[in-house]
Amino acid sequence: LGDNGAVVNFAIIQLTAQIVARHNRFPEGFG
């Protein structure tokens, strides 16, 4: 950003973190 940069105060996206599981490796109801 330095001296001339900026963070535009307008959300262009909402980010997520997701847990992806191989469902056949886990007990019923785990998901």
PDB file of all heavy atoms in Angstrom:
ATOM      1  N   LEU A   1       0.832  -1.199   0.000  1.00  0.00           N
ATOM      2  CA  LEU A   1       0.000   0.000   0.000  1.00  0.00           C
ATOM      3  C   LEU A   1       0.872   1.257   0.000  1.00  0.00           C
ATOM      4  O   LEU A   1       0.544   2.255  -0.651  1.00  0.00           O
ATOM      5  CB  LEU A   1      -0.920   0.002   1.225  1.00  0.00           C
ATOM      6  CG  LEU A   1      -2.042  -1.046   1.235  1.00  0.00           C
ATOM      7  CD1 LEU A   1      -2.695  -1.106   2.612  1.00  0.00           C
ATOM      8  CD2 LEU A   1      -3.084  -0.742   0.161  1.00  0.00           C
ATOM      9  N   GLY A   2       1.974   1.184   0.725  1.00  0.00           N
ATOM     10  CA  GLY A   2       2.902   2.308   0.770  1.00  0.00           C
ATOM     11  C   GLY A   2       2.245   3.596   1.234  1.00  0.00           C
ATOM     12  O   GLY A   2       1.339   3.591   2.066  1.00  0.00           O
ATOM     13  N   ASP A   3       2.681   4.721   0.655  1.00  0.00           N
ATOM     14  CA  ASP A   3       2.150   6.034   1.038  1.00  0.00           C
ATOM     15  C   ASP A   3       0.939   6.435   0.204  1.00  0.00           C
ATOM     16  O   ASP A   3       0.181   7.326   0.602  1.00  0.00           O
ATOM     17  CB  ASP A   3       3.237   7.115   0.884  1.00  0.00           C
ATOM     18  CG  ASP A   3       4.406   6.896   1.827  1.00  0.00           C
ATOM     19  OD1 ASP A   3       4.169   6.371   2.936  1.00  0.00           O
ATOM     20  OD2 ASP A   3       5.546   7.243   1.449  1.00  0.00           O
ATOM     21  N   ASN A   4       0.779   5.803  -0.951  1.00  0.00           N
ATOM     22  CA  ASN A   4      -0.268   6.236  -1.879  1.00  0.00           C
ATOM     23  C   ASN A   4      -1.388   5.221  -2.082  1.00  0.00           C
ATOM     24  O   ASN A   4      -2.287   5.448  -2.881  1.00  0.00           O
ATOM     25  CB  ASN A   4       0.353   6.557  -3.253  1.00  0.00           C
ATOM     26  CG  ASN A   4       1.435   7.614  -3.166  1.00  0.00           C
ATOM     27  OD1 ASN A   4       1.231   8.651  -2.539  1.00  0.00           O
ATOM     28  ND2 ASN A   4       2.583   7.339  -3.771  1.00  0.00           N
ATOM     29  N   GLY A   5      -1.331   4.115  -1.363  1.00  0.00           N
ATOM     30  CA  GLY A   5      -2.311   3.061  -1.570  1.00  0.00           C
ATOM     31  C   GLY A   5      -3.589   3.240  -0.776  1.00  0.00           C
ATOM     32  O   GLY A   5      -3.725   4.159   0.036  1.00  0.00           O
ATOM     33  N   ALA A   6      -4.533   2.321  -1.020  1.00  0.00           N
ATOM     34  CA  ALA A   6      -5.820   2.398  -0.330  1.00  0.00           C
ATOM     35  C   ALA A   6      -6.478   1.031  -0.286  1.00  0.00           C
ATOM     36  O   ALA A   6      -6.225   0.160  -1.128  1.00  0.00           O
ATOM     37  CB  ALA A   6      -6.746   3.388  -1.037  1.00  0.00           C
ATOM     38  N   VAL A   7      -7.333   0.878   0.719  1.00  0.00           N
ATOM     39  CA  VAL A   7      -8.206  -0.290   0.827  1.00  0.00           C
ATOM     40  C   VAL A   7      -9.615   0.221   0.573  1.00  0.00           C
ATOM     41  O   VAL A   7     -10.128   1.048   1.344  1.00  0.00           O
ATOM     42  CB  VAL A   7      -8.121  -0.936   2.225  1.00  0.00           C
ATOM     43  CG1 VAL A   7      -9.003  -2.181   2.286  1.00  0.00           C
ATOM     44  CG2 VAL A   7      -6.682  -1.279   2.586  1.00  0.00           C
ATOM     45  N   VAL A   8     -10.210  -0.206  -0.514  1.00  0.00           N
ATOM     46  CA  VAL A   8     -11.529   0.304  -0.892  1.00  0.00           C
ATOM     47  C   VAL A   8     -12.575  -0.266   0.055  1.00  0.00           C
ATOM     48  O   VAL A   8     -12.757  -1.491   0.132  1.00  0.00           O
ATOM     49  CB  VAL A   8     -11.870  -0.057  -2.346  1.00  0.00           C
ATOM     50  CG1 VAL A   8     -13.236   0.518  -2.724  1.00  0.00           C
ATOM     51  CG2 VAL A   8     -10.794   0.483  -3.287  1.00  0.00           C
ATOM     52  N   ASN A   9     -13.264   0.619   0.757  1.00  0.00           N
ATOM     53  CA  ASN A   9     -14.211   0.221   1.795  1.00  0.00           C
ATOM     54  C   ASN A   9     -15.560  -0.181   1.187  1.00  0.00           C
ATOM     55  O   ASN A   9     -16.593   0.461   1.411  1.00  0.00           O
ATOM     56  CB  ASN A   9     -14.387   1.355   2.801  1.00  0.00           C
ATOM     57  CG  ASN A   9     -15.096   0.896   4.070  1.00  0.00           C
ATOM     58  OD1 ASN A   9     -15.262  -0.303   4.304  1.00  0.00           O
ATOM     59  ND2 ASN A   9     -15.522   1.844   4.876  1.00  0.00           N
ATOM     60  N   PHE A  10     -15.512  -1.248   0.395  1.00  0.00           N
ATOM     61  CA  PHE A  10     -16.705  -1.768  -0.277  1.00  0.00           C
ATOM     62  C   PHE A  10     -16.467  -3.254  -0.522  1.00  0.00           C
ATOM     63  O   PHE A  10     -15.579  -3.627  -1.288  1.00  0.00           O
ATOM     64  CB  PHE A  10     -16.924  -1.023  -1.596  1.00  0.00           C
ATOM     65  CG  PHE A  10     -18.135  -1.467  -2.370  1.00  0.00           C
ATOM     66  CD1 PHE A  10     -19.405  -1.391  -1.819  1.00  0.00           C
ATOM     67  CD2 PHE A  10     -17.993  -1.956  -3.666  1.00  0.00           C
ATOM     68  CE1 PHE A  10     -20.525  -1.794  -2.542  1.00  0.00           C
ATOM     69  CE2 PHE A  10     -19.097  -2.355  -4.400  1.00  0.00           C
ATOM     70  CZ  PHE A  10     -20.373  -2.269  -3.834  1.00  0.00           C
ATOM     71  N   ALA A  11     -17.228  -4.083   0.169  1.00  0.00           N
ATOM     72  CA  ALA A  11     -17.009  -5.531   0.076  1.00  0.00           C
ATOM     73  C   ALA A  11     -17.404  -6.047  -1.307  1.00  0.00           C
ATOM     74  O   ALA A  11     -18.552  -5.897  -1.720  1.00  0.00           O
ATOM     75  CB  ALA A  11     -17.818  -6.252   1.144  1.00  0.00           C
ATOM     76  N   ILE A  12     -16.448  -6.641  -2.008  1.00  0.00           N
ATOM     77  CA  ILE A  12     -16.776  -7.201  -3.319  1.00  0.00           C
ATOM     78  C   ILE A  12     -17.132  -8.681  -3.214  1.00  0.00           C
ATOM     79  O   ILE A  12     -17.658  -9.274  -4.156  1.00  0.00           O
ATOM     80  CB  ILE A  12     -15.613  -7.017  -4.317  1.00  0.00           C
ATOM     81  CG1 ILE A  12     -14.352  -7.747  -3.817  1.00  0.00           C
ATOM     82  CG2 ILE A  12     -15.325  -5.549  -4.536  1.00  0.00           C
ATOM     83  CD1 ILE A  12     -13.246  -7.798  -4.855  1.00  0.00           C
ATOM     84  N   ILE A  13     -16.843  -9.261  -2.048  1.00  0.00           N
ATOM     85  CA  ILE A  13     -17.089 -10.690  -1.852  1.00  0.00           C
ATOM     86  C   ILE A  13     -17.088 -10.971  -0.352  1.00  0.00           C
ATOM     87  O   ILE A  13     -16.469 -10.235   0.418  1.00  0.00           O
ATOM     88  CB  ILE A  13     -15.972 -11.520  -2.562  1.00  0.00           C
ATOM     89  CG1 ILE A  13     -16.308 -13.001  -2.635  1.00  0.00           C
ATOM     90  CG2 ILE A  13     -14.633 -11.302  -1.897  1.00  0.00           C
ATOM     91  CD1 ILE A  13     -15.288 -13.801  -3.460  1.00  0.00           C
ATOM     92  N   GLN A  14     -17.829 -11.993   0.056  1.00  0.00           N
ATOM     93  CA  GLN A  14     -17.746 -12.476   1.438  1.00  0.00           C
ATOM     94  C   GLN A  14     -17.054 -13.833   1.384  1.00  0.00           C
ATOM     95  O   GLN A  14     -17.522 -14.757   0.713  1.00  0.00           O
ATOM     96  CB  GLN A  14     -19.133 -12.616   2.067  1.00  0.00           C
ATOM     97  CG  GLN A  14     -19.839 -11.290   2.312  1.00  0.00           C
ATOM     98  CD  GLN A  14     -19.135 -10.410   3.323  1.00  0.00           C
ATOM     99  OE1 GLN A  14     -18.590 -10.906   4.306  1.00  0.00           O
ATOM    100  NE2 GLN A  14     -19.147  -9.110   3.093  1.00  0.00           N
ATOM    101  N   LEU A  15     -15.938 -13.934   2.052  1.00  0.00           N
ATOM    102  CA  LEU A  15     -15.136 -15.159   2.006  1.00  0.00           C
ATOM    103  C   LEU A  15     -15.564 -16.152   3.080  1.00  0.00           C
ATOM    104  O   LEU A  15     -16.086 -15.775   4.128  1.00  0.00           O
ATOM    105  CB  LEU A  15     -13.660 -14.810   2.176  1.00  0.00           C
ATOM    106  CG  LEU A  15     -13.096 -13.940   1.040  1.00  0.00           C
ATOM    107  CD1 LEU A  15     -11.798 -13.288   1.459  1.00  0.00           C
ATOM    108  CD2 LEU A  15     -12.897 -14.775  -0.221  1.00  0.00           C
ATOM    109  N   THR A  16     -15.338 -17.405   2.807  1.00  0.00           N
ATOM    110  CA  THR A  16     -15.647 -18.453   3.774  1.00  0.00           C
ATOM    111  C   THR A  16     -14.480 -19.416   3.909  1.00  0.00           C
ATOM    112  O   THR A  16     -13.624 -19.515   3.034  1.00  0.00           O
ATOM    113  CB  THR A  16     -16.889 -19.277   3.359  1.00  0.00           C
ATOM    114  OG1 THR A  16     -16.615 -19.974   2.124  1.00  0.00           O
ATOM    115  CG2 THR A  16     -18.116 -18.404   3.201  1.00  0.00           C
ATOM    116  N   ALA A  17     -14.472 -20.119   5.037  1.00  0.00           N
ATOM    117  CA  ALA A  17     -13.588 -21.268   5.239  1.00  0.00           C
ATOM    118  C   ALA A  17     -14.511 -22.473   5.351  1.00  0.00           C
ATOM    119  O   ALA A  17     -15.527 -22.409   6.053  1.00  0.00           O
ATOM    120  CB  ALA A  17     -12.766 -21.100   6.503  1.00  0.00           C
ATOM    121  N   GLN A  18     -14.201 -23.541   4.645  1.00  0.00           N
ATOM    122  CA  GLN A  18     -15.093 -24.699   4.619  1.00  0.00           C
ATOM    123  C   GLN A  18     -14.333 -25.978   4.964  1.00  0.00           C
ATOM    124  O   GLN A  18     -13.176 -26.150   4.570  1.00  0.00           O
ATOM    125  CB  GLN A  18     -15.761 -24.825   3.250  1.00  0.00           C
ATOM    126  CG  GLN A  18     -16.565 -23.581   2.872  1.00  0.00           C
ATOM    127  CD  GLN A  18     -17.369 -23.727   1.601  1.00  0.00           C
ATOM    128  OE1 GLN A  18     -17.662 -24.835   1.138  1.00  0.00           O
ATOM    129  NE2 GLN A  18     -17.775 -22.597   1.021  1.00  0.00           N
ATOM    130  N   ILE A  19     -15.007 -26.837   5.705  1.00  0.00           N
ATOM    131  CA  ILE A  19     -14.456 -28.150   6.035  1.00  0.00           C
ATOM    132  C   ILE A  19     -15.030 -29.154   5.049  1.00  0.00           C
ATOM    133  O   ILE A  19     -16.247 -29.340   4.984  1.00  0.00           O
ATOM    134  CB  ILE A  19     -14.806 -28.561   7.474  1.00  0.00           C
ATOM    135  CG1 ILE A  19     -14.243 -27.537   8.472  1.00  0.00           C
ATOM    136  CG2 ILE A  19     -14.262 -29.961   7.786  1.00  0.00           C
ATOM    137  CD1 ILE A  19     -14.718 -27.749   9.895  1.00  0.00           C
ATOM    138  N   VAL A  20     -14.163 -29.738   4.255  1.00  0.00           N
ATOM    139  CA  VAL A  20     -14.580 -30.712   3.238  1.00  0.00           C
ATOM    140  C   VAL A  20     -14.138 -32.097   3.701  1.00  0.00           C
ATOM    141  O   VAL A  20     -12.959 -32.318   3.969  1.00  0.00           O
ATOM    142  CB  VAL A  20     -13.946 -30.402   1.871  1.00  0.00           C
ATOM    143  CG1 VAL A  20     -14.514 -31.337   0.803  1.00  0.00           C
ATOM    144  CG2 VAL A  20     -14.179 -28.942   1.486  1.00  0.00           C
ATOM    145  N   ALA A  21     -15.108 -33.014   3.814  1.00  0.00           N
ATOM    146  CA  ALA A  21     -14.791 -34.350   4.334  1.00  0.00           C
ATOM    147  C   ALA A  21     -15.167 -35.442   3.332  1.00  0.00           C
ATOM    148  O   ALA A  21     -16.129 -35.304   2.577  1.00  0.00           O
ATOM    149  CB  ALA A  21     -15.548 -34.585   5.646  1.00  0.00           C
ATOM    150  N   ARG A  22     -14.386 -36.508   3.343  1.00  0.00           N
ATOM    151  CA  ARG A  22     -14.774 -37.725   2.602  1.00  0.00           C
ATOM    152  C   ARG A  22     -15.801 -38.436   3.480  1.00  0.00           C
ATOM    153  O   ARG A  22     -15.433 -39.093   4.451  1.00  0.00           O
ATOM    154  CB  ARG A  22     -13.551 -38.610   2.372  1.00  0.00           C
ATOM    155  CG  ARG A  22     -12.566 -38.047   1.361  1.00  0.00           C
ATOM    156  CD  ARG A  22     -11.332 -38.945   1.253  1.00  0.00           C
ATOM    157  NE  ARG A  22     -10.567 -38.634   0.055  1.00  0.00           N
ATOM    158  CZ  ARG A  22     -10.773 -39.171  -1.149  1.00  0.00           C
ATOM    159  NH1 ARG A  22     -11.741 -40.068  -1.305  1.00  0.00           N
ATOM    160  NH2 ARG A  22     -10.041 -38.828  -2.188  1.00  0.00           N
ATOM    161  N   HIS A  23     -17.077 -38.287   3.153  1.00  0.00           N
ATOM    162  CA  HIS A  23     -18.126 -38.701   4.093  1.00  0.00           C
ATOM    163  C   HIS A  23     -18.129 -40.190   4.412  1.00  0.00           C
ATOM    164  O   HIS A  23     -18.554 -40.595   5.500  1.00  0.00           O
ATOM    165  CB  HIS A  23     -19.503 -38.247   3.599  1.00  0.00           C
ATOM    166  CG  HIS A  23     -19.895 -38.752   2.245  1.00  0.00           C
ATOM    167  ND1 HIS A  23     -20.392 -40.002   2.039  1.00  0.00           N
ATOM    168  CD2 HIS A  23     -19.868 -38.136   1.034  1.00  0.00           C
ATOM    169  CE1 HIS A  23     -20.660 -40.155   0.755  1.00  0.00           C
ATOM    170  NE2 HIS A  23     -20.352 -39.038   0.115  1.00  0.00           N
ATOM    171  N   ASN A  24     -17.611 -41.016   3.507  1.00  0.00           N
ATOM    172  CA  ASN A  24     -17.602 -42.460   3.806  1.00  0.00           C
ATOM    173  C   ASN A  24     -16.501 -42.841   4.798  1.00  0.00           C
ATOM    174  O   ASN A  24     -16.415 -43.991   5.215  1.00  0.00           O
ATOM    175  CB  ASN A  24     -17.459 -43.283   2.517  1.00  0.00           C
ATOM    176  CG  ASN A  24     -16.141 -43.026   1.793  1.00  0.00           C
ATOM    177  OD1 ASN A  24     -15.402 -42.108   2.143  1.00  0.00           O
ATOM    178  ND2 ASN A  24     -15.864 -43.823   0.772  1.00  0.00           N
ATOM    179  N   ARG A  25     -15.690 -41.864   5.195  1.00  0.00           N
ATOM    180  CA  ARG A  25     -14.641 -42.125   6.178  1.00  0.00           C
ATOM    181  C   ARG A  25     -15.064 -41.724   7.594  1.00  0.00           C
ATOM    182  O   ARG A  25     -14.293 -41.852   8.534  1.00  0.00           O
ATOM    183  CB  ARG A  25     -13.369 -41.333   5.792  1.00  0.00           C
ATOM    184  CG  ARG A  25     -12.768 -41.721   4.449  1.00  0.00           C
ATOM    185  CD  ARG A  25     -12.046 -43.036   4.518  1.00  0.00           C
ATOM    186  NE  ARG A  25     -10.843 -42.937   5.336  1.00  0.00           N
ATOM    187  CZ  ARG A  25     -10.275 -43.966   5.960  1.00  0.00           C
ATOM    188  NH1 ARG A  25     -10.827 -45.167   5.893  1.00  0.00           N
ATOM    189  NH2 ARG A  25      -9.172 -43.794   6.663  1.00  0.00           N
ATOM    190  N   PHE A  26     -16.301 -41.235   7.709  1.00  0.00           N
ATOM    191  CA  PHE A  26     -16.770 -40.735   9.003  1.00  0.00           C
ATOM    192  C   PHE A  26     -18.093 -41.392   9.399  1.00  0.00           C
ATOM    193  O   PHE A  26     -18.851 -41.854   8.540  1.00  0.00           O
ATOM    194  CB  PHE A  26     -16.935 -39.210   8.941  1.00  0.00           C
ATOM    195  CG  PHE A  26     -15.630 -38.487   8.799  1.00  0.00           C
ATOM    196  CD1 PHE A  26     -15.083 -38.238   7.538  1.00  0.00           C
ATOM    197  CD2 PHE A  26     -14.932 -38.064   9.918  1.00  0.00           C
ATOM    198  CE1 PHE A  26     -13.869 -37.588   7.397  1.00  0.00           C
ATOM    199  CE2 PHE A  26     -13.718 -37.406   9.802  1.00  0.00           C
ATOM    200  CZ  PHE A  26     -13.184 -37.167   8.537  1.00  0.00           C
ATOM    201  N   PRO A  27     -18.378 -41.433  10.706  1.00  0.00           N
ATOM    202  CA  PRO A  27     -19.600 -42.071  11.188  1.00  0.00           C
ATOM    203  C   PRO A  27     -20.859 -41.342  10.709  1.00  0.00           C
ATOM    204  O   PRO A  27     -20.819 -40.151  10.367  1.00  0.00           O
ATOM    205  CB  PRO A  27     -19.478 -41.974  12.725  1.00  0.00           C
ATOM    206  CG  PRO A  27     -18.058 -41.647  12.995  1.00  0.00           C
ATOM    207  CD  PRO A  27     -17.555 -40.904  11.808  1.00  0.00           C
ATOM    208  N   GLU A  28     -21.968 -42.054  10.703  1.00  0.00           N
ATOM    209  CA  GLU A  28     -23.258 -41.467  10.364  1.00  0.00           C
ATOM    210  C   GLU A  28     -23.545 -40.283  11.289  1.00  0.00           C
ATOM    211  O   GLU A  28     -23.361 -40.365  12.503  1.00  0.00           O
ATOM    212  CB  GLU A  28     -24.359 -42.516  10.536  1.00  0.00           C
ATOM    213  CG  GLU A  28     -25.731 -42.068  10.070  1.00  0.00           C
ATOM    214  CD  GLU A  28     -25.849 -42.006   8.568  1.00  0.00           C
ATOM    215  OE1 GLU A  28     -25.083 -42.710   7.871  1.00  0.00           O
ATOM    216  OE2 GLU A  28     -26.709 -41.245   8.093  1.00  0.00           O
ATOM    217  N   GLY A  29     -23.965 -39.185  10.722  1.00  0.00           N
ATOM    218  CA  GLY A  29     -24.303 -38.007  11.513  1.00  0.00           C
ATOM    219  C   GLY A  29     -23.145 -37.070  11.787  1.00  0.00           C
ATOM    220  O   GLY A  29     -23.347 -35.966  12.315  1.00  0.00           O
ATOM    221  N   PHE A  30     -21.931 -37.476  11.436  1.00  0.00           N
ATOM    222  CA  PHE A  30     -20.767 -36.634  11.709  1.00  0.00           C
ATOM    223  C   PHE A  30     -20.892 -35.276  11.013  1.00  0.00           C
ATOM    224  O   PHE A  30     -20.645 -34.228  11.617  1.00  0.00           O
ATOM    225  CB  PHE A  30     -19.480 -37.323  11.250  1.00  0.00           C
ATOM    226  CG  PHE A  30     -18.240 -36.486  11.440  1.00  0.00           C
ATOM    227  CD1 PHE A  30     -17.525 -36.552  12.628  1.00  0.00           C
ATOM    228  CD2 PHE A  30     -17.794 -35.625  10.442  1.00  0.00           C
ATOM    229  CE1 PHE A  30     -16.388 -35.767  12.818  1.00  0.00           C
ATOM    230  CE2 PHE A  30     -16.663 -34.832  10.626  1.00  0.00           C
ATOM    231  CZ  PHE A  30     -15.956 -34.910  11.818  1.00  0.00           C
ATOM    232  N   GLY A  31     -21.278 -35.308   9.739  1.00  0.00           N
ATOM    233  CA  GLY A  31     -21.356 -34.078   8.961  1.00  0.00           C
ATOM    234  C   GLY A  31     -22.295 -33.055   9.571  1.00  0.00           C
ATOM    235  O   GLY A  31     -21.952 -31.875   9.690  1.00  0.00           O
TER     236      GLY A  31
END
